């Protein structure tokens, strides 16, 4: 009984003091006089100039105010208001849905082009060649027109790689690719459609194209 009484007494002594509310605590603190050391002035909001807004619109790929969309997806009623908010640092063009969509389309087109383009030469790769060859074969069969396929080979290219390394071979392929790209491209689409699809005209165009390739390659790449 005595031991239990001592335990209860020690427990009461360890208990936290009763809580004091803030009002009672502040009333016990002596008052401190406050004195303003500056003159209060109203905040003045800066208005962006028309030149600044036009520059922001150009950054958002709007060349003029007549090209704005005013879709309201950014939270502002007009693109001009959004541009003013961007100028003041209250928003960004990441909030513009039409601009984000335009960038997404460009990225998709860029990736699609990279998928069919050789990184070293800039020419179409094997995937693009197979697809284009299938299209041309189908077109020739549909219209019953001749189809010509010219295969080009660089003589001694393996010896260049073996003797000087692959960097030298890459340096040789780049000008060759640029030259072949200019030689095989049609001058205009009109001149190509103006020629009839008769066998004789196909032979003439084939000879002209191969002759142009021979004249370009022979002085620079050998035979």
C-alpha atoms as a PDB file:
ATOM      1  CA  UNK A   1       0.000   0.000   0.000  1.00  0.00           C
ATOM      2  CA  UNK A   2       2.808   2.384   0.871  1.00  0.00           C
ATOM      3  CA  UNK A   3       4.713   1.565  -2.300  1.00  0.00           C
ATOM      4  CA  UNK A   4       1.632   2.125  -4.459  1.00  0.00           C
ATOM      5  CA  UNK A   5       1.025   5.511  -2.862  1.00  0.00           C
ATOM      6  CA  UNK A   6       4.573   6.588  -3.629  1.00  0.00           C
ATOM      7  CA  UNK A   7       4.190   5.484  -7.247  1.00  0.00           C
ATOM      8  CA  UNK A   8       0.979   7.488  -7.660  1.00  0.00           C
ATOM      9  CA  UNK A   9       2.632  10.557  -6.142  1.00  0.00           C
ATOM     10  CA  UNK A  10       5.622  10.340  -8.472  1.00  0.00           C
ATOM     11  CA  UNK A  11       3.329   9.964 -11.497  1.00  0.00           C
ATOM     12  CA  UNK A  12       1.441  13.127 -10.561  1.00  0.00           C
ATOM     13  CA  UNK A  13       4.693  15.012 -10.133  1.00  0.00           C
ATOM     14  CA  UNK A  14       5.863  13.967 -13.627  1.00  0.00           C
ATOM     15  CA  UNK A  15       2.699  15.162 -15.333  1.00  0.00           C
ATOM     16  CA  UNK A  16       2.996  18.229 -17.573  1.00  0.00           C
ATOM     17  CA  UNK A  17       1.729  21.545 -16.228  1.00  0.00           C
ATOM     18  CA  UNK A  18      -1.699  22.614 -17.407  1.00  0.00           C
ATOM     19  CA  UNK A  19      -1.777  24.251 -20.827  1.00  0.00           C
ATOM     20  CA  UNK A  20      -2.022  28.023 -21.071  1.00  0.00           C
ATOM     21  CA  UNK A  21      -3.960  29.584 -23.971  1.00  0.00           C
ATOM     22  CA  UNK A  22      -2.292  32.242 -26.104  1.00  0.00           C
ATOM     23  CA  UNK A  23      -4.595  35.013 -24.928  1.00  0.00           C
ATOM     24  CA  UNK A  24      -3.544  34.496 -21.289  1.00  0.00           C
ATOM     25  CA  UNK A  25       0.120  34.254 -22.324  1.00  0.00           C
ATOM     26  CA  UNK A  26       0.038  37.479 -24.366  1.00  0.00           C
ATOM     27  CA  UNK A  27      -1.759  39.386 -21.634  1.00  0.00           C
ATOM     28  CA  UNK A  28       1.139  38.673 -19.286  1.00  0.00           C
ATOM     29  CA  UNK A  29       3.701  40.169 -21.738  1.00  0.00           C
ATOM     30  CA  UNK A  30       4.269  43.928 -21.429  1.00  0.00           C
ATOM     31  CA  UNK A  31       3.136  45.989 -24.433  1.00  0.00           C
ATOM     32  CA  UNK A  32       5.820  47.080 -26.905  1.00  0.00           C
ATOM     33  CA  UNK A  33       5.196  50.309 -28.855  1.00  0.00           C
ATOM     34  CA  UNK A  34       5.492  49.912 -32.640  1.00  0.00           C
ATOM     35  CA  UNK A  35       6.726  52.680 -34.910  1.00  0.00           C
ATOM     36  CA  UNK A  36       6.655  52.641 -38.705  1.00  0.00           C
ATOM     37  CA  UNK A  37      10.019  53.485 -40.226  1.00  0.00           C
ATOM     38  CA  UNK A  38       8.915  53.823 -43.871  1.00  0.00           C
ATOM     39  CA  UNK A  39       6.168  55.468 -45.849  1.00  0.00           C
ATOM     40  CA  UNK A  40       3.631  53.010 -47.211  1.00  0.00           C
ATOM     41  CA  UNK A  41       3.153  53.228 -50.976  1.00  0.00           C
ATOM     42  CA  UNK A  42       0.692  51.315 -53.132  1.00  0.00           C
ATOM     43  CA  UNK A  43       2.112  48.560 -55.353  1.00  0.00           C
ATOM     44  CA  UNK A  44       2.239  49.541 -59.017  1.00  0.00           C
ATOM     45  CA  UNK A  45       1.740  46.736 -61.549  1.00  0.00           C
ATOM     46  CA  UNK A  46       3.918  47.087 -64.658  1.00  0.00           C
ATOM     47  CA  UNK A  47       2.158  46.941 -67.995  1.00  0.00           C
ATOM     48  CA  UNK A  48       4.174  45.271 -70.809  1.00  0.00           C
ATOM     49  CA  UNK A  49       4.620  47.359 -73.927  1.00  0.00           C
ATOM     50  CA  UNK A  50       3.276  46.343 -77.325  1.00  0.00           C
ATOM     51  CA  UNK A  51       6.819  45.612 -78.532  1.00  0.00           C
ATOM     52  CA  UNK A  52       7.416  43.255 -75.606  1.00  0.00           C
ATOM     53  CA  UNK A  53       4.128  41.465 -76.217  1.00  0.00           C
ATOM     54  CA  UNK A  54       4.923  41.080 -79.927  1.00  0.00           C
ATOM     55  CA  UNK A  55       8.318  39.571 -79.066  1.00  0.00           C
ATOM     56  CA  UNK A  56       6.680  37.116 -76.668  1.00  0.00           C
ATOM     57  CA  UNK A  57       4.134  36.175 -79.341  1.00  0.00           C
ATOM     58  CA  UNK A  58       6.949  35.492 -81.820  1.00  0.00           C
ATOM     59  CA  UNK A  59       8.585  33.271 -79.208  1.00  0.00           C
ATOM     60  CA  UNK A  60       5.303  31.359 -79.133  1.00  0.00           C
ATOM     61  CA  UNK A  61       5.484  31.008 -82.961  1.00  0.00           C
ATOM     62  CA  UNK A  62       2.850  33.677 -83.665  1.00  0.00           C
ATOM     63  CA  UNK A  63       4.357  35.995 -86.270  1.00  0.00           C
ATOM     64  CA  UNK A  64       1.632  38.600 -85.786  1.00  0.00           C
ATOM     65  CA  UNK A  65      -1.431  39.216 -83.658  1.00  0.00           C
ATOM     66  CA  UNK A  66      -3.644  38.177 -86.552  1.00  0.00           C
ATOM     67  CA  UNK A  67      -2.355  34.585 -86.218  1.00  0.00           C
ATOM     68  CA  UNK A  68      -3.353  34.104 -82.563  1.00  0.00           C
ATOM     69  CA  UNK A  69      -5.803  31.335 -81.699  1.00  0.00           C
ATOM     70  CA  UNK A  70      -7.427  32.626 -78.471  1.00  0.00           C
ATOM     71  CA  UNK A  71      -8.495  29.109 -77.455  1.00  0.00           C
ATOM     72  CA  UNK A  72      -8.430  29.869 -73.718  1.00  0.00           C
ATOM     73  CA  UNK A  73      -6.713  26.580 -72.836  1.00  0.00           C
ATOM     74  CA  UNK A  74      -3.967  28.495 -71.015  1.00  0.00           C
ATOM     75  CA  UNK A  75      -6.464  30.105 -68.628  1.00  0.00           C
ATOM     76  CA  UNK A  76      -6.419  33.504 -70.342  1.00  0.00           C
ATOM     77  CA  UNK A  77      -9.112  34.815 -72.652  1.00  0.00           C
ATOM     78  CA  UNK A  78      -6.715  35.889 -75.400  1.00  0.00           C
ATOM     79  CA  UNK A  79      -3.189  35.042 -76.491  1.00  0.00           C
ATOM     80  CA  UNK A  80      -2.224  38.689 -76.030  1.00  0.00           C
ATOM     81  CA  UNK A  81      -3.209  38.501 -72.349  1.00  0.00           C
ATOM     82  CA  UNK A  82      -1.240  35.266 -72.037  1.00  0.00           C
ATOM     83  CA  UNK A  83       1.785  36.896 -73.659  1.00  0.00           C
ATOM     84  CA  UNK A  84       1.535  39.807 -71.205  1.00  0.00           C
ATOM     85  CA  UNK A  85       1.427  37.337 -68.304  1.00  0.00           C
ATOM     86  CA  UNK A  86       4.492  35.556 -69.698  1.00  0.00           C
ATOM     87  CA  UNK A  87       6.304  38.894 -69.957  1.00  0.00           C
ATOM     88  CA  UNK A  88       5.567  39.539 -66.258  1.00  0.00           C
ATOM     89  CA  UNK A  89       6.726  36.022 -65.302  1.00  0.00           C
ATOM     90  CA  UNK A  90       3.260  34.782 -64.339  1.00  0.00           C
ATOM     91  CA  UNK A  91       2.989  32.067 -66.989  1.00  0.00           C
ATOM     92  CA  UNK A  92       4.901  30.306 -69.789  1.00  0.00           C
ATOM     93  CA  UNK A  93       4.292  28.978 -73.299  1.00  0.00           C
ATOM     94  CA  UNK A  94       4.173  25.458 -71.862  1.00  0.00           C
ATOM     95  CA  UNK A  95       0.564  26.286 -70.946  1.00  0.00           C
ATOM     96  CA  UNK A  96      -0.312  26.902 -74.617  1.00  0.00           C
ATOM     97  CA  UNK A  97      -2.050  23.794 -75.963  1.00  0.00           C
ATOM     98  CA  UNK A  98      -1.921  24.721 -79.707  1.00  0.00           C
ATOM     99  CA  UNK A  99       1.831  25.403 -79.461  1.00  0.00           C
ATOM    100  CA  UNK A 100       2.426  22.125 -77.626  1.00  0.00           C
ATOM    101  CA  UNK A 101       0.415  20.300 -80.305  1.00  0.00           C
ATOM    102  CA  UNK A 102       2.425  21.987 -83.071  1.00  0.00           C
ATOM    103  CA  UNK A 103       5.698  20.973 -81.434  1.00  0.00           C
ATOM    104  CA  UNK A 104       4.426  17.413 -81.007  1.00  0.00           C
ATOM    105  CA  UNK A 105       3.589  17.185 -84.711  1.00  0.00           C
ATOM    106  CA  UNK A 106       7.057  18.489 -85.617  1.00  0.00           C
ATOM    107  CA  UNK A 107       8.717  15.960 -83.337  1.00  0.00           C
ATOM    108  CA  UNK A 108       6.652  13.143 -84.852  1.00  0.00           C
ATOM    109  CA  UNK A 109       7.630  14.230 -88.379  1.00  0.00           C
ATOM    110  CA  UNK A 110      11.279  14.487 -87.363  1.00  0.00           C
ATOM    111  CA  UNK A 111      11.294  10.997 -85.876  1.00  0.00           C
ATOM    112  CA  UNK A 112       9.500   9.629 -88.936  1.00  0.00           C
ATOM    113  CA  UNK A 113      12.162  11.219 -91.171  1.00  0.00           C
ATOM    114  CA  UNK A 114      14.966   9.842 -89.011  1.00  0.00           C
ATOM    115  CA  UNK A 115      13.453   6.357 -89.300  1.00  0.00           C
ATOM    116  CA  UNK A 116      13.957   6.350 -93.091  1.00  0.00           C
ATOM    117  CA  UNK A 117      17.189   8.393 -93.302  1.00  0.00           C
ATOM    118  CA  UNK A 118      20.761   7.213 -92.967  1.00  0.00           C
ATOM    119  CA  UNK A 119      22.495   9.241 -90.265  1.00  0.00           C
ATOM    120  CA  UNK A 120      25.878   9.339 -91.984  1.00  0.00           C
ATOM    121  CA  UNK A 121      24.964  10.196 -95.567  1.00  0.00           C
ATOM    122  CA  UNK A 122      21.522  11.748 -95.199  1.00  0.00           C
ATOM    123  CA  UNK A 123      20.197   9.433 -97.927  1.00  0.00           C
ATOM    124  CA  UNK A 124      17.236   7.116 -97.564  1.00  0.00           C
ATOM    125  CA  UNK A 125      18.046   3.880 -95.748  1.00  0.00           C
ATOM    126  CA  UNK A 126      17.098   0.264 -96.508  1.00  0.00           C
ATOM    127  CA  UNK A 127      13.627   0.639 -95.018  1.00  0.00           C
ATOM    128  CA  UNK A 128      12.816   3.595 -97.276  1.00  0.00           C
ATOM    129  CA  UNK A 129      14.341   1.796-100.279  1.00  0.00           C
ATOM    130  CA  UNK A 130      12.178  -1.299 -99.794  1.00  0.00           C
ATOM    131  CA  UNK A 131       9.015   0.776 -99.382  1.00  0.00           C
ATOM    132  CA  UNK A 132       9.740   2.959-102.427  1.00  0.00           C
ATOM    133  CA  UNK A 133      10.698  -0.018-104.572  1.00  0.00           C
ATOM    134  CA  UNK A 134       7.405  -1.744-103.723  1.00  0.00           C
ATOM    135  CA  UNK A 135       5.504   1.417-104.662  1.00  0.00           C
ATOM    136  CA  UNK A 136       7.298   1.792-107.987  1.00  0.00           C
ATOM    137  CA  UNK A 137       6.840  -1.870-108.894  1.00  0.00           C
ATOM    138  CA  UNK A 138       3.126  -1.603-108.120  1.00  0.00           C
ATOM    139  CA  UNK A 139       2.826   1.609-110.147  1.00  0.00           C
ATOM    140  CA  UNK A 140       4.638   0.088-113.129  1.00  0.00           C
ATOM    141  CA  UNK A 141       2.351  -2.918-113.005  1.00  0.00           C
ATOM    142  CA  UNK A 142      -0.758  -0.777-112.680  1.00  0.00           C
ATOM    143  CA  UNK A 143       0.034   1.500-115.627  1.00  0.00           C
ATOM    144  CA  UNK A 144       2.017  -1.070-117.646  1.00  0.00           C
ATOM    145  CA  UNK A 145       5.095   1.166-117.859  1.00  0.00           C
ATOM    146  CA  UNK A 146       8.772   0.143-117.801  1.00  0.00           C
ATOM    147  CA  UNK A 147      10.730   0.390-114.580  1.00  0.00           C
ATOM    148  CA  UNK A 148      14.504   0.957-114.387  1.00  0.00           C
ATOM    149  CA  UNK A 149      16.730   0.286-111.385  1.00  0.00           C
ATOM    150  CA  UNK A 150      20.360   1.463-111.412  1.00  0.00           C
ATOM    151  CA  UNK A 151      22.811  -0.099-108.932  1.00  0.00           C
ATOM    152  CA  UNK A 152      25.898   1.982-108.112  1.00  0.00           C
ATOM    153  CA  UNK A 153      29.080   0.638-106.557  1.00  0.00           C
ATOM    154  CA  UNK A 154      32.178   2.488-105.345  1.00  0.00           C
ATOM    155  CA  UNK A 155      35.271   0.691-106.643  1.00  0.00           C
ATOM    156  CA  UNK A 156      37.980   0.193-104.067  1.00  0.00           C
ATOM    157  CA  UNK A 157      35.858   1.347-101.138  1.00  0.00           C
ATOM    158  CA  UNK A 158      36.791  -1.698 -99.059  1.00  0.00           C
ATOM    159  CA  UNK A 159      40.488  -0.997 -99.635  1.00  0.00           C
ATOM    160  CA  UNK A 160      39.989   2.558 -98.365  1.00  0.00           C
ATOM    161  CA  UNK A 161      38.405   1.250 -95.150  1.00  0.00           C
ATOM    162  CA  UNK A 162      41.115  -1.393 -94.700  1.00  0.00           C
ATOM    163  CA  UNK A 163      44.003   0.981 -95.401  1.00  0.00           C
ATOM    164  CA  UNK A 164      42.881   4.243 -93.782  1.00  0.00           C
ATOM    165  CA  UNK A 165      40.130   3.228 -91.374  1.00  0.00           C
ATOM    166  CA  UNK A 166      36.383   3.671 -91.264  1.00  0.00           C
ATOM    167  CA  UNK A 167      36.648   7.409 -90.613  1.00  0.00           C
ATOM    168  CA  UNK A 168      38.251   7.843 -94.014  1.00  0.00           C
ATOM    169  CA  UNK A 169      35.527   5.699 -95.565  1.00  0.00           C
ATOM    170  CA  UNK A 170      32.877   7.856 -93.920  1.00  0.00           C
ATOM    171  CA  UNK A 171      34.594  10.988 -95.236  1.00  0.00           C
ATOM    172  CA  UNK A 172      34.385   9.487 -98.743  1.00  0.00           C
ATOM    173  CA  UNK A 173      30.736   8.514 -98.452  1.00  0.00           C
ATOM    174  CA  UNK A 174      29.494  11.968 -97.437  1.00  0.00           C
ATOM    175  CA  UNK A 175      30.464  13.853-100.650  1.00  0.00           C
ATOM    176  CA  UNK A 176      29.402  10.866-102.734  1.00  0.00           C
ATOM    177  CA  UNK A 177      25.977  10.892-101.084  1.00  0.00           C
ATOM    178  CA  UNK A 178      25.615  14.627-101.606  1.00  0.00           C
ATOM    179  CA  UNK A 179      26.601  14.302-105.250  1.00  0.00           C
ATOM    180  CA  UNK A 180      24.231  11.410-105.937  1.00  0.00           C
ATOM    181  CA  UNK A 181      21.378  13.165-104.182  1.00  0.00           C
ATOM    182  CA  UNK A 182      21.718  16.209-106.460  1.00  0.00           C
ATOM    183  CA  UNK A 183      22.106  14.087-109.581  1.00  0.00           C
ATOM    184  CA  UNK A 184      19.100  11.824-109.052  1.00  0.00           C
ATOM    185  CA  UNK A 185      16.677  14.514-107.978  1.00  0.00           C
ATOM    186  CA  UNK A 186      14.227  15.688-110.609  1.00  0.00           C
ATOM    187  CA  UNK A 187      14.565  19.390-111.459  1.00  0.00           C
ATOM    188  CA  UNK A 188      10.828  20.023-111.195  1.00  0.00           C
ATOM    189  CA  UNK A 189       7.752  17.899-110.897  1.00  0.00           C
ATOM    190  CA  UNK A 190       6.290  19.521-114.033  1.00  0.00           C
ATOM    191  CA  UNK A 191       9.118  18.383-116.283  1.00  0.00           C
ATOM    192  CA  UNK A 192       8.700  14.842-115.003  1.00  0.00           C
ATOM    193  CA  UNK A 193       4.970  14.747-115.708  1.00  0.00           C
ATOM    194  CA  UNK A 194       5.325  16.397-119.101  1.00  0.00           C
ATOM    195  CA  UNK A 195       7.222  13.394-120.501  1.00  0.00           C
ATOM    196  CA  UNK A 196       5.055  10.548-121.746  1.00  0.00           C
ATOM    197  CA  UNK A 197       5.440   7.111-120.196  1.00  0.00           C
ATOM    198  CA  UNK A 198       6.368   5.383-123.440  1.00  0.00           C
ATOM    199  CA  UNK A 199       9.250   2.859-123.473  1.00  0.00           C
ATOM    200  CA  UNK A 200      11.341   5.157-125.661  1.00  0.00           C
ATOM    201  CA  UNK A 201      10.960   8.132-123.313  1.00  0.00           C
ATOM    202  CA  UNK A 202      11.869   5.921-120.333  1.00  0.00           C
ATOM    203  CA  UNK A 203      15.039   4.812-122.100  1.00  0.00           C
ATOM    204  CA  UNK A 204      15.938   8.430-122.876  1.00  0.00           C
ATOM    205  CA  UNK A 205      15.426   9.532-119.282  1.00  0.00           C
ATOM    206  CA  UNK A 206      17.371   6.545-118.010  1.00  0.00           C
ATOM    207  CA  UNK A 207      20.334   7.302-120.293  1.00  0.00           C
ATOM    208  CA  UNK A 208      20.289  10.981-119.336  1.00  0.00           C
ATOM    209  CA  UNK A 209      20.229  10.198-115.609  1.00  0.00           C
ATOM    210  CA  UNK A 210      22.995   7.611-115.818  1.00  0.00           C
ATOM    211  CA  UNK A 211      25.063   9.904-118.035  1.00  0.00           C
ATOM    212  CA  UNK A 212      24.672  12.729-115.546  1.00  0.00           C
ATOM    213  CA  UNK A 213      25.809  10.417-112.733  1.00  0.00           C
ATOM    214  CA  UNK A 214      28.800   9.247-114.776  1.00  0.00           C
ATOM    215  CA  UNK A 215      29.908  12.803-115.550  1.00  0.00           C
ATOM    216  CA  UNK A 216      29.638  13.814-111.917  1.00  0.00           C
ATOM    217  CA  UNK A 217      31.330  10.770-110.385  1.00  0.00           C
ATOM    218  CA  UNK A 218      34.110  10.089-112.850  1.00  0.00           C
ATOM    219  CA  UNK A 219      36.289  13.171-112.099  1.00  0.00           C
ATOM    220  CA  UNK A 220      35.876  12.866-108.325  1.00  0.00           C
ATOM    221  CA  UNK A 221      35.546   9.172-107.498  1.00  0.00           C
ATOM    222  CA  UNK A 222      37.375   7.337-110.267  1.00  0.00           C
ATOM    223  CA  UNK A 223      35.842   5.581-113.278  1.00  0.00           C
END
